[in-house]
Each structure stands twice: as structure tokens, then as C-alpha cells.
Amino acid sequence: MSRLLALLLTSSLLYSMSLEEAISLALKNNPSLQSKRLDIEAQKLQKEAIKAQTLGKVNLNAAYNHYNIPRTLKPLTPPITPNITTSKDILSAGVEYKVALFNGFADKVRIDLAALGFKMKEIGYKLAKNETVYNIKALYFKALGLKSDLQALKARKKALSALKRKVEYGVKLGKKAPLDLLKIRSDLLGVESSIVKVKNGIESIKAALKALIGIKIDKFEDAKEEAVQKNTTPYLVKKMQLEVKKTQRELKKAKSLSYPKLFFQGMFNQNFAKGESEDIWQGGVIATYPIIDFGYKKKIYQKSKIATLQAKKNLLFQKEMLKSKIEGAKLEINSLYHTLKALQSNLKLLKEIQHSEKIQYDTGYKDVSDYLQAIANTQKAKSAISKTKYTLFSKYAYLNYLQAGD
């Protein structure tokens, strides 16, 4: 029963799917988005790992050494007695703890970089999510445009088929010219060829959508125009802003190379030989300061300065490019809107022309060519209106994609 229910549910999904359902499925099932979500989790763990590193390390140590001359189990300290155990073979085991007390603020910078990396992964996911949503909308609207093409072609085929039957009867009665029948048949062949081409185009879009959604759509439901949303800072800009912050932190990291380093190290060991053991422990502070590195610090710092400058330039460039794309999308929307209005007005005129051509052909005043052209023009206008409408919807989706942000 459960398998039958699953099959019925799958068949239902294959049969028809709205745009909203397609987007919802993609956000759940798209492998690329799932990978991006895993990226966020991985970066979160990386941030926690770096924080854990600042607490230092505790190591268990063990060693076996064979010496050429006997050694004491621990360094000689007063008072020195003659019965001190010595051996050429000494086994030692212990625990060691080492932590950086000060390393030129490098740890803080590494934590900041990890936190920035986490934010960048989140922005990357949001960008990928919005891009996926836009791609689905663009394909879905294109499919709806082709669907309207198909409907117009089928309507034209139906009209031509009806006219063909009428003309065939007229030819038998000797009232219509056989040439008219040949012209109609020629138009029908062209329409049938176009129908196949459009169907193939729809199937191609179905395949592309399946790659994004994970399920094949058999039928497309009508979709509405979406409202344009404007956000304070688009994700595309936020990504570049985070890149600038990242390079600035890298610059601080490069500066930290010039500071002294201070470490604490504590150790407890037990040395074993000849059935005896000695405990040894020590604790101390270690300071290091780089004196000569043959220009290494200077080169790293200069490289970081260049990277910061590049990131700032890229941010300015991306802002201008985004502004240009947004303005271009708005102009296209305006153009498509006026085109749609003109097509709708033109359709009314074409319908009147078709009606007039039909009357003139039926009365024998004209041959069939003008009437066939009028039918074609009317159906093409209907198709153009639908395609322009869905192209307009796609541009609205593109504008929202460009402006998407928090």
C-alpha cells in the first residue's frame, strides 16, 4: 500500500507543478545548495577549532633512549650520593602542556578570520540560493512562453484544418481554386514543423529544471508577476565587503609577525631504568623575537597591503557593475511593459483584419493568401503577447535577484 501511495504521489508531481512548488523542492533537494549548507557547517567547525587552539595543547610523551655511556635517571643535584642509579637504557613517559601567552595578536586575527569565513559561507549560500531560485523562474517563465507558442500554433492548425476542409469541399463544387488548397496544405506543414520544434524546446527546459529540482515537471501552471523588492545591501555587495574585511585582517596577521612571542610550557616526566623511577617536572616561560628573516615579514606585509587595495578596488567595481545591471534591468522592464501594451492594442487590429480578410475570401473578392497571412499574424500576435509577458516576469525575477539582500 505504501509503495502504491508513493507511486501515486510521484505521478502527481510528474503531472503538474506550480512555480512555488518547484522552488520549494529545489531549496530542499538541490545538491549544490546542500553542498553550500555543508560548507557553512564545516566553516563553523573550523572557527571552533581555531578557538580551541588558543587554549594550547596537552601531549602525552613517551621515549626510549640507549646511550653510549650510563646516564642518571634525573639531572644531578646536590647532595650527590654514590648510590645514584645510572643506565645506558632509559625509558621515559610524561605529559606536556604548551600555550601561547602572547603571539602578536595572531590568535585574535585567526579567530576573526574564521568568523569572517563563516559569514562569507553564509553569504555564499544565500547567493547560491537566490541564483537557483532565479534560474528556476527564468526556465519556468520560458517554458510558459513556449507553452503559449504551442497553444497559438495548435489554434492556427485547427483554424487551417477547418479552412482546408471547407476549401476541399469548395474545390469539389468548382467554387474554389485548387491552388488555394495547396497553399493551405503548405501552411499546415509549416505549422506542424513549428509545433515539433516548440515541443522539443519545452522538453529541453524540463530536463534543465529536473537538474535543479530533482523531479521532472510534466505540466506547467500559470504564474503571476512578482513584486520588486529592494533591500538595503545586496548580497553581491556584502560578499565583496567581507572580502575587504578579510584582507584587512590578513594585513593585521602580517603585522603580527614583527611582534615578540611569549609561550608557557609545563612538563612532567617519569624516567625508568633497572626497576627504579624518578619524577621530573618543570615549568617555564619562553620568549622569542625575530631578528633576521631576510625580508620575509616585509614581503608578506606588502603582499597583504596589495590584496587589501585589490579588494577595495573590486568592491567599487562590483558596486558600479551591479548598479549598471540594475539600471539595465529596469530599462528592459520598462521597454517590455510598453511593448506588451502595443502588442495588445495591435492584436485587436489584427483580429479585425482577419475578419475582414475572411469575408473577402468567402465572397471571392480575394484569394486565400491574404486570409492565410491574416490568420498567421493574429496567432503570432497572441504568442508574442504571452512570450513578452513571461519575459517581463523573468526580468522582474532578475531584478529581485540582483537586489536580494538583508
Protein backbone atom coordinates (compact mmCIF):
# COMPACT_ATOMS: atom_id res chain seq x y z
CA MET A 1 0.00 0.00 0.00
CA SER A 2 2.83 2.40 0.91
CA ARG A 3 4.55 1.75 -2.46
CA LEU A 4 1.29 2.44 -4.29
CA LEU A 5 0.82 5.68 -2.36
CA ALA A 6 4.39 6.74 -3.16
CA LEU A 7 3.81 5.96 -6.84
CA LEU A 8 0.62 8.00 -6.88
CA LEU A 9 2.35 10.92 -5.18
CA THR A 10 5.24 10.73 -7.65
CA SER A 11 2.84 10.59 -10.58
CA SER A 12 1.06 13.64 -9.21
CA LEU A 13 4.35 15.54 -9.04
CA LEU A 14 5.24 14.47 -12.55
CA TYR A 15 1.89 15.59 -13.84
CA SER A 16 1.84 19.22 -12.75
CA MET A 17 3.88 21.57 -10.58
CA SER A 18 3.49 25.26 -9.78
CA LEU A 19 6.46 27.63 -9.77
CA GLU A 20 6.27 27.93 -5.97
CA GLU A 21 6.33 24.14 -5.58
CA ALA A 22 9.30 23.85 -7.94
CA ILE A 23 11.28 26.44 -5.95
CA SER A 24 10.41 24.78 -2.63
CA LEU A 25 11.58 21.38 -3.89
CA ALA A 26 14.81 22.82 -5.28
CA LEU A 27 15.67 24.52 -1.98
CA LYS A 28 15.30 21.15 -0.24
CA ASN A 29 16.81 18.79 -2.82
CA ASN A 30 19.33 20.71 -4.94
CA PRO A 31 22.76 19.04 -4.41
CA SER A 32 24.65 22.30 -4.96
CA LEU A 33 22.67 24.05 -2.22
CA GLN A 34 23.10 21.07 0.08
CA SER A 35 26.84 21.33 -0.51
CA LYS A 36 26.76 25.04 0.36
CA ARG A 37 24.93 24.27 3.61
CA LEU A 38 27.63 21.73 4.46
CA ASP A 39 30.23 24.42 3.72
CA ILE A 40 28.65 26.56 6.45
CA GLU A 41 28.76 23.69 8.94
CA ALA A 42 32.39 22.95 8.05
CA GLN A 43 33.38 26.61 8.48
CA LYS A 44 31.59 26.72 11.84
CA LEU A 45 33.68 23.76 12.99
CA GLN A 46 36.81 25.48 11.64
CA LYS A 47 36.01 28.58 13.73
CA GLU A 48 35.52 26.46 16.87
CA ALA A 49 38.72 24.54 16.14
CA ILE A 50 40.76 27.77 15.94
CA LYS A 51 39.27 28.97 19.25
CA ALA A 52 40.23 25.63 20.80
CA GLN A 53 43.81 26.04 19.52
CA THR A 54 44.25 29.22 21.58
CA LEU A 55 43.91 27.12 24.76
CA GLY A 56 47.14 25.33 23.95
CA LYS A 57 47.97 21.64 23.74
CA VAL A 58 48.41 18.82 26.22
CA ASN A 59 50.57 15.97 24.87
CA LEU A 60 51.39 12.57 26.27
CA ASN A 61 55.06 11.77 25.57
CA ALA A 62 56.98 8.50 25.71
CA ALA A 63 60.56 7.75 24.69
CA TYR A 64 63.18 5.02 24.91
CA ASN A 65 66.85 6.01 24.64
CA HIS A 66 70.04 3.94 24.53
CA TYR A 67 73.21 5.88 25.40
CA ASN A 68 76.89 5.06 24.83
CA ILE A 69 77.63 5.73 28.49
CA PRO A 70 75.41 5.34 31.56
CA ARG A 71 73.10 8.26 32.43
CA THR A 72 71.33 9.17 35.64
CA LEU A 73 67.52 8.97 35.75
CA LYS A 74 67.39 12.67 36.56
CA PRO A 75 69.88 15.56 36.43
CA LEU A 76 72.37 15.52 39.29
CA THR A 77 71.55 17.96 42.07
CA PRO A 78 73.18 18.39 45.50
CA PRO A 79 73.69 16.45 47.64
CA ILE A 80 75.37 13.97 45.30
CA THR A 81 75.45 10.41 46.72
CA PRO A 82 77.36 7.39 45.37
CA ASN A 83 74.29 5.12 45.09
CA ILE A 84 72.59 7.07 42.29
CA THR A 85 71.04 4.75 39.68
CA THR A 86 72.56 5.01 36.22
CA SER A 87 71.80 3.14 32.99
CA LYS A 88 72.53 3.14 29.29
CA ASP A 89 68.85 2.31 28.61
CA ILE A 90 66.25 4.76 29.91
CA LEU A 91 62.51 4.74 29.33
CA SER A 92 60.56 7.95 29.96
CA ALA A 93 56.86 8.83 29.92
CA GLY A 94 55.08 12.02 30.80
CA VAL A 95 52.70 14.85 29.95
CA GLU A 96 53.43 18.26 28.46
CA TYR A 97 51.33 21.45 28.20
CA LYS A 98 52.22 24.40 25.97
CA VAL A 99 50.20 27.57 25.34
CA ALA A 100 50.90 30.93 23.68
CA LEU A 101 50.63 33.78 26.19
CA PHE A 102 51.23 36.41 23.51
CA ASN A 103 51.86 35.90 19.80
CA GLY A 104 51.45 39.38 18.39
CA PHE A 105 47.63 39.23 18.33
CA ALA A 106 47.85 36.47 15.69
CA ASP A 107 45.35 34.26 17.57
CA LYS A 108 42.76 37.03 17.69
CA VAL A 109 43.23 37.69 13.98
CA ARG A 110 42.86 33.98 13.19
CA ILE A 111 39.60 33.87 15.18
CA ASP A 112 38.36 36.99 13.36
CA LEU A 113 39.27 35.44 10.01
CA ALA A 114 37.42 32.24 10.89
CA ALA A 115 34.34 34.28 11.91
CA LEU A 116 34.54 36.20 8.63
CA GLY A 117 34.90 32.91 6.76
CA PHE A 118 31.69 31.72 8.44
CA LYS A 119 29.84 34.88 7.35
CA MET A 120 31.22 34.52 3.81
CA LYS A 121 29.97 30.94 3.62
CA GLU A 122 26.53 32.13 4.75
CA ILE A 123 26.52 34.86 2.11
CA GLY A 124 27.73 32.32 -0.46
CA TYR A 125 24.80 30.06 0.41
CA LYS A 126 22.31 32.92 0.17
CA LEU A 127 23.75 33.94 -3.21
CA ALA A 128 23.57 30.36 -4.49
CA LYS A 129 20.04 30.02 -3.16
CA ASN A 130 18.88 33.22 -4.89
CA GLU A 131 20.67 32.24 -8.09
CA THR A 132 18.95 28.84 -8.06
CA VAL A 133 15.57 30.48 -7.47
CA TYR A 134 16.18 32.91 -10.33
CA ASN A 135 17.31 30.14 -12.70
CA ILE A 136 14.16 28.16 -11.93
CA LYS A 137 11.97 31.22 -12.51
CA ALA A 138 13.74 32.06 -15.78
CA LEU A 139 13.32 28.50 -17.08
CA TYR A 140 9.74 28.23 -15.84
CA PHE A 141 8.73 31.53 -17.47
CA LYS A 142 10.48 30.50 -20.68
CA ALA A 143 8.53 27.24 -20.62
CA LEU A 144 5.28 29.17 -20.15
CA GLY A 145 6.21 31.36 -23.12
CA LEU A 146 6.81 28.26 -25.27
CA LYS A 147 3.58 26.78 -23.95
CA SER A 148 1.74 29.87 -25.21
CA ASP A 149 3.55 29.44 -28.54
CA LEU A 150 2.33 25.86 -28.69
CA GLN A 151 -1.24 26.88 -27.91
CA ALA A 152 -1.14 29.54 -30.62
CA LEU A 153 0.28 27.07 -33.15
CA LYS A 154 -2.36 24.48 -32.27
CA ALA A 155 -5.09 27.11 -32.62
CA ARG A 156 -3.68 28.09 -36.00
CA LYS A 157 -3.51 24.43 -37.05
CA LYS A 158 -7.13 23.96 -36.00
CA ALA A 159 -8.18 27.03 -37.99
CA LEU A 160 -6.21 25.89 -41.05
CA SER A 161 -7.61 22.37 -40.80
CA ALA A 162 -11.16 23.73 -40.71
CA LEU A 163 -10.40 26.02 -43.66
CA LYS A 164 -8.81 23.11 -45.54
CA ARG A 165 -11.97 21.01 -45.19
CA LYS A 166 -14.06 23.95 -46.36
CA VAL A 167 -11.83 24.66 -49.37
CA GLU A 168 -11.69 20.94 -50.29
CA TYR A 169 -15.48 20.98 -50.46
CA GLY A 170 -15.36 24.20 -52.50
CA VAL A 171 -12.87 22.65 -54.95
CA LYS A 172 -15.19 19.67 -55.46
CA LEU A 173 -18.02 22.05 -56.28
CA GLY A 174 -15.74 24.06 -58.54
CA LYS A 175 -16.15 27.21 -56.42
CA LYS A 176 -12.58 27.31 -55.06
CA ALA A 177 -9.26 27.13 -56.88
CA PRO A 178 -7.10 24.02 -56.32
CA LEU A 179 -4.15 26.39 -55.78
CA ASP A 180 -5.83 27.68 -52.61
CA LEU A 181 -5.86 24.15 -51.26
CA LEU A 182 -2.12 23.74 -51.97
CA LYS A 183 -1.36 26.99 -50.14
CA ILE A 184 -3.33 25.84 -47.09
CA ARG A 185 -1.55 22.46 -47.07
CA SER A 186 1.81 24.22 -47.28
CA ASP A 187 0.93 26.40 -44.28
CA LEU A 188 -0.23 23.34 -42.34
CA LEU A 189 3.11 21.60 -42.93
CA GLY A 190 4.95 24.66 -41.67
CA VAL A 191 2.77 24.83 -38.56
CA GLU A 192 3.23 21.14 -37.80
CA SER A 193 7.02 21.55 -38.10
CA SER A 194 6.91 24.52 -35.72
CA ILE A 195 4.83 22.52 -33.22
CA VAL A 196 7.50 19.80 -33.12
CA LYS A 197 10.23 22.41 -32.63
CA VAL A 198 8.38 24.10 -29.75
CA LYS A 199 7.63 20.76 -28.07
CA ASN A 200 11.32 19.87 -28.22
CA GLY A 201 12.15 23.25 -26.66
CA ILE A 202 9.76 22.56 -23.79
CA GLU A 203 11.28 19.12 -23.22
CA SER A 204 14.74 20.68 -23.10
CA ILE A 205 13.57 23.09 -20.39
CA LYS A 206 12.01 20.20 -18.46
CA ALA A 207 15.39 18.46 -18.46
CA ALA A 208 17.16 21.61 -17.23
CA LEU A 209 14.58 22.08 -14.46
CA LYS A 210 14.92 18.46 -13.41
CA ALA A 211 18.64 19.04 -12.83
CA LEU A 212 17.78 21.92 -10.48
CA ILE A 213 14.72 20.40 -8.78
CA GLY A 214 15.36 16.67 -8.89
CA ILE A 215 11.92 15.83 -10.30
CA LYS A 216 10.66 16.13 -13.87
CA ILE A 217 7.75 18.52 -14.45
CA ASP A 218 5.19 17.30 -16.93
CA LYS A 219 2.90 20.34 -16.99
CA PHE A 220 3.47 23.98 -16.10
CA GLU A 221 0.90 26.01 -14.20
CA ASP A 222 0.39 29.69 -14.89
CA ALA A 223 2.48 32.09 -12.79
CA LYS A 224 1.98 35.68 -11.74
CA GLU A 225 4.18 38.74 -11.86
CA GLU A 226 6.21 39.19 -8.67
CA ALA A 227 6.63 42.43 -6.77
CA VAL A 228 10.02 44.13 -6.98
CA GLN A 229 11.86 44.05 -3.66
CA LYS A 230 14.63 46.43 -2.74
CA ASN A 231 16.99 45.68 0.16
CA THR A 232 19.49 47.86 1.99
CA THR A 233 22.65 46.00 0.96
CA PRO A 234 22.53 43.34 -1.77
CA TYR A 235 24.31 40.04 -1.08
CA LEU A 236 26.53 40.64 -4.12
CA VAL A 237 27.89 43.79 -2.41
CA LYS A 238 28.06 42.18 1.04
CA LYS A 239 30.26 39.44 -0.35
CA MET A 240 32.81 41.99 -1.60
CA GLN A 241 32.61 43.96 1.66
CA LEU A 242 33.52 40.80 3.55
CA GLU A 243 36.41 40.24 1.13
CA VAL A 244 37.73 43.71 2.07
CA LYS A 245 37.42 42.93 5.79
CA LYS A 246 39.19 39.62 5.23
CA THR A 247 42.19 41.27 3.54
CA GLN A 248 42.32 43.87 6.32
CA ARG A 249 42.53 41.07 8.91
CA GLU A 250 45.23 39.39 6.81
CA LEU A 251 47.14 42.68 6.95
CA LYS A 252 46.94 42.60 10.77
CA LYS A 253 48.10 39.00 10.68
CA ALA A 254 51.13 40.06 8.62
CA LYS A 255 51.89 42.79 11.21
CA SER A 256 51.84 40.21 13.99
CA LEU A 257 54.94 38.60 12.51
CA SER A 258 57.01 41.55 13.80
CA TYR A 259 55.95 41.18 17.44
CA PRO A 260 57.76 39.05 20.05
CA LYS A 261 56.16 35.75 21.04
CA LEU A 262 55.66 34.52 24.58
CA PHE A 263 54.82 30.91 25.49
CA PHE A 264 54.28 28.95 28.68
CA GLN A 265 55.48 25.34 28.74
CA GLY A 266 55.00 22.86 31.58
CA MET A 267 56.16 19.23 31.62
CA PHE A 268 56.02 16.24 33.97
CA ASN A 269 58.04 13.07 33.18
CA GLN A 270 58.89 9.78 34.80
CA ASN A 271 62.17 8.08 33.87
CA PHE A 272 62.52 4.30 34.31
CA ALA A 273 65.63 2.06 34.42
CA LYS A 274 66.72 -1.03 36.39
CA GLY A 275 63.37 -1.22 38.16
CA GLU A 276 63.62 2.31 39.54
CA SER A 277 61.92 5.55 38.55
CA GLU A 278 62.45 9.25 39.02
CA ASP A 279 59.93 12.10 38.64
CA ILE A 280 60.98 15.21 36.77
CA TRP A 281 58.85 18.29 36.22
CA GLN A 282 59.47 21.78 35.01
CA GLY A 283 57.57 24.91 34.06
CA GLY A 284 58.78 27.97 32.28
CA VAL A 285 58.10 30.93 30.01
CA ILE A 286 59.74 31.09 26.61
CA ALA A 287 60.17 34.35 24.71
CA THR A 288 61.21 34.61 21.07
CA TYR A 289 61.79 37.63 18.90
CA PRO A 290 62.65 37.51 15.18
CA ILE A 291 65.81 39.42 14.34
CA ILE A 292 66.72 38.43 10.79
CA ASP A 293 64.30 36.79 8.35
CA PHE A 294 65.89 38.06 5.11
CA GLY A 295 62.87 40.23 4.20
CA TYR A 296 60.16 37.61 4.77
CA LYS A 297 57.96 39.78 7.08
CA LYS A 298 58.29 42.82 4.84
CA LYS A 299 57.26 40.90 1.71
CA ILE A 300 54.27 39.29 3.43
CA TYR A 301 53.13 42.69 4.72
CA GLN A 302 53.47 44.31 1.28
CA LYS A 303 51.58 41.43 -0.30
CA SER A 304 48.74 41.86 2.23
CA LYS A 305 48.61 45.61 1.53
CA ILE A 306 48.24 44.90 -2.20
CA ALA A 307 45.49 42.33 -1.51
CA THR A 308 43.60 44.90 0.63
CA LEU A 309 43.88 47.52 -2.12
CA GLN A 310 42.69 44.99 -4.73
CA ALA A 311 39.68 44.05 -2.59
CA LYS A 312 38.69 47.71 -2.20
CA LYS A 313 39.00 48.29 -5.95
CA ASN A 314 36.94 45.14 -6.65
CA LEU A 315 34.27 46.36 -4.22
CA LEU A 316 33.99 49.69 -6.07
CA PHE A 317 33.92 47.90 -9.43
CA GLN A 318 31.25 45.40 -8.31
CA LYS A 319 29.10 48.21 -6.91
CA GLU A 320 29.24 50.06 -10.23
CA MET A 321 28.61 46.86 -12.21
CA LEU A 322 25.64 45.96 -10.01
CA LYS A 323 24.26 49.48 -10.32
CA SER A 324 24.62 49.23 -14.10
CA LYS A 325 22.88 45.83 -14.22
CA ILE A 326 20.02 47.07 -12.03
CA GLU A 327 19.51 50.14 -14.21
CA GLY A 328 19.69 47.96 -17.34
CA ALA A 329 17.11 45.54 -15.92
CA LYS A 330 14.78 48.44 -15.07
CA LEU A 331 15.08 49.84 -18.59
CA GLU A 332 14.34 46.41 -20.08
CA ILE A 333 11.30 46.08 -17.83
CA ASN A 334 10.05 49.49 -18.97
CA SER A 335 10.63 48.58 -22.61
CA LEU A 336 8.88 45.21 -22.28
CA TYR A 337 5.95 46.80 -20.48
CA HIS A 338 5.35 49.28 -23.34
CA THR A 339 5.93 46.54 -25.92
CA LEU A 340 3.27 44.43 -24.22
CA LYS A 341 0.77 47.28 -24.32
CA ALA A 342 1.49 47.87 -28.02
CA LEU A 343 1.10 44.16 -28.82
CA GLN A 344 -2.23 44.01 -27.01
CA SER A 345 -3.51 47.01 -28.99
CA ASN A 346 -2.17 45.54 -32.22
CA LEU A 347 -3.94 42.22 -31.59
CA LYS A 348 -7.31 43.97 -31.67
CA LEU A 349 -6.48 45.41 -35.09
CA LEU A 350 -5.21 42.06 -36.41
CA LYS A 351 -8.43 40.34 -35.35
CA GLU A 352 -10.43 42.91 -37.31
CA ILE A 353 -8.13 42.43 -40.31
CA GLN A 354 -8.55 38.65 -40.13
CA HIS A 355 -12.32 39.01 -40.00
CA SER A 356 -12.25 41.34 -42.99
CA GLU A 357 -9.95 39.02 -45.00
CA LYS A 358 -12.26 36.09 -44.26
CA ILE A 359 -15.26 37.93 -45.61
CA GLN A 360 -13.38 39.00 -48.74
CA TYR A 361 -12.15 35.44 -49.35
CA ASP A 362 -15.58 33.89 -48.72
CA THR A 363 -17.15 36.33 -51.18
CA GLY A 364 -14.48 35.55 -53.80
CA TYR A 365 -13.08 39.06 -53.80
CA LYS A 366 -9.59 37.83 -52.85
CA ASP A 367 -7.62 34.57 -52.99
CA VAL A 368 -6.67 32.60 -49.88
CA SER A 369 -3.14 34.05 -49.45
CA ASP A 370 -4.19 37.24 -47.65
CA TYR A 371 -6.57 35.32 -45.40
CA LEU A 372 -3.85 32.80 -44.50
CA GLN A 373 -1.47 35.62 -43.71
CA ALA A 374 -4.09 37.29 -41.53
CA ILE A 375 -4.60 34.04 -39.55
CA ALA A 376 -0.84 33.69 -39.10
CA ASN A 377 -0.44 37.32 -37.99
CA THR A 378 -3.22 37.01 -35.40
CA GLN A 379 -1.85 33.82 -33.88
CA LYS A 380 1.71 35.17 -33.88
CA ALA A 381 0.49 38.30 -32.08
CA LYS A 382 -1.19 36.18 -29.40
CA SER A 383 2.00 34.21 -28.96
CA ALA A 384 4.12 37.39 -28.85
CA ILE A 385 1.90 38.82 -26.10
CA SER A 386 2.33 35.72 -23.92
CA LYS A 387 6.08 35.49 -24.56
CA THR A 388 6.57 39.20 -23.82
CA LYS A 389 4.54 38.87 -20.62
CA TYR A 390 6.62 35.96 -19.35
CA THR A 391 9.85 37.64 -20.44
CA LEU A 392 8.73 40.64 -18.38
CA PHE A 393 8.10 38.36 -15.39
CA SER A 394 11.57 36.88 -15.86
CA LYS A 395 13.12 40.36 -15.83
CA TYR A 396 11.32 41.19 -12.60
CA ALA A 397 12.80 37.99 -11.13
CA TYR A 398 16.25 39.01 -12.40
CA LEU A 399 15.93 42.45 -10.80
CA ASN A 400 14.97 40.85 -7.50
CA TYR A 401 17.96 38.52 -7.79
CA LEU A 402 20.32 41.48 -8.28
CA GLN A 403 18.82 43.40 -5.36
CA ALA A 404 18.42 40.42 -2.99
CA GLY A 405 19.92 41.08 0.43
CA ASP A 406 19.20 41.72 4.09
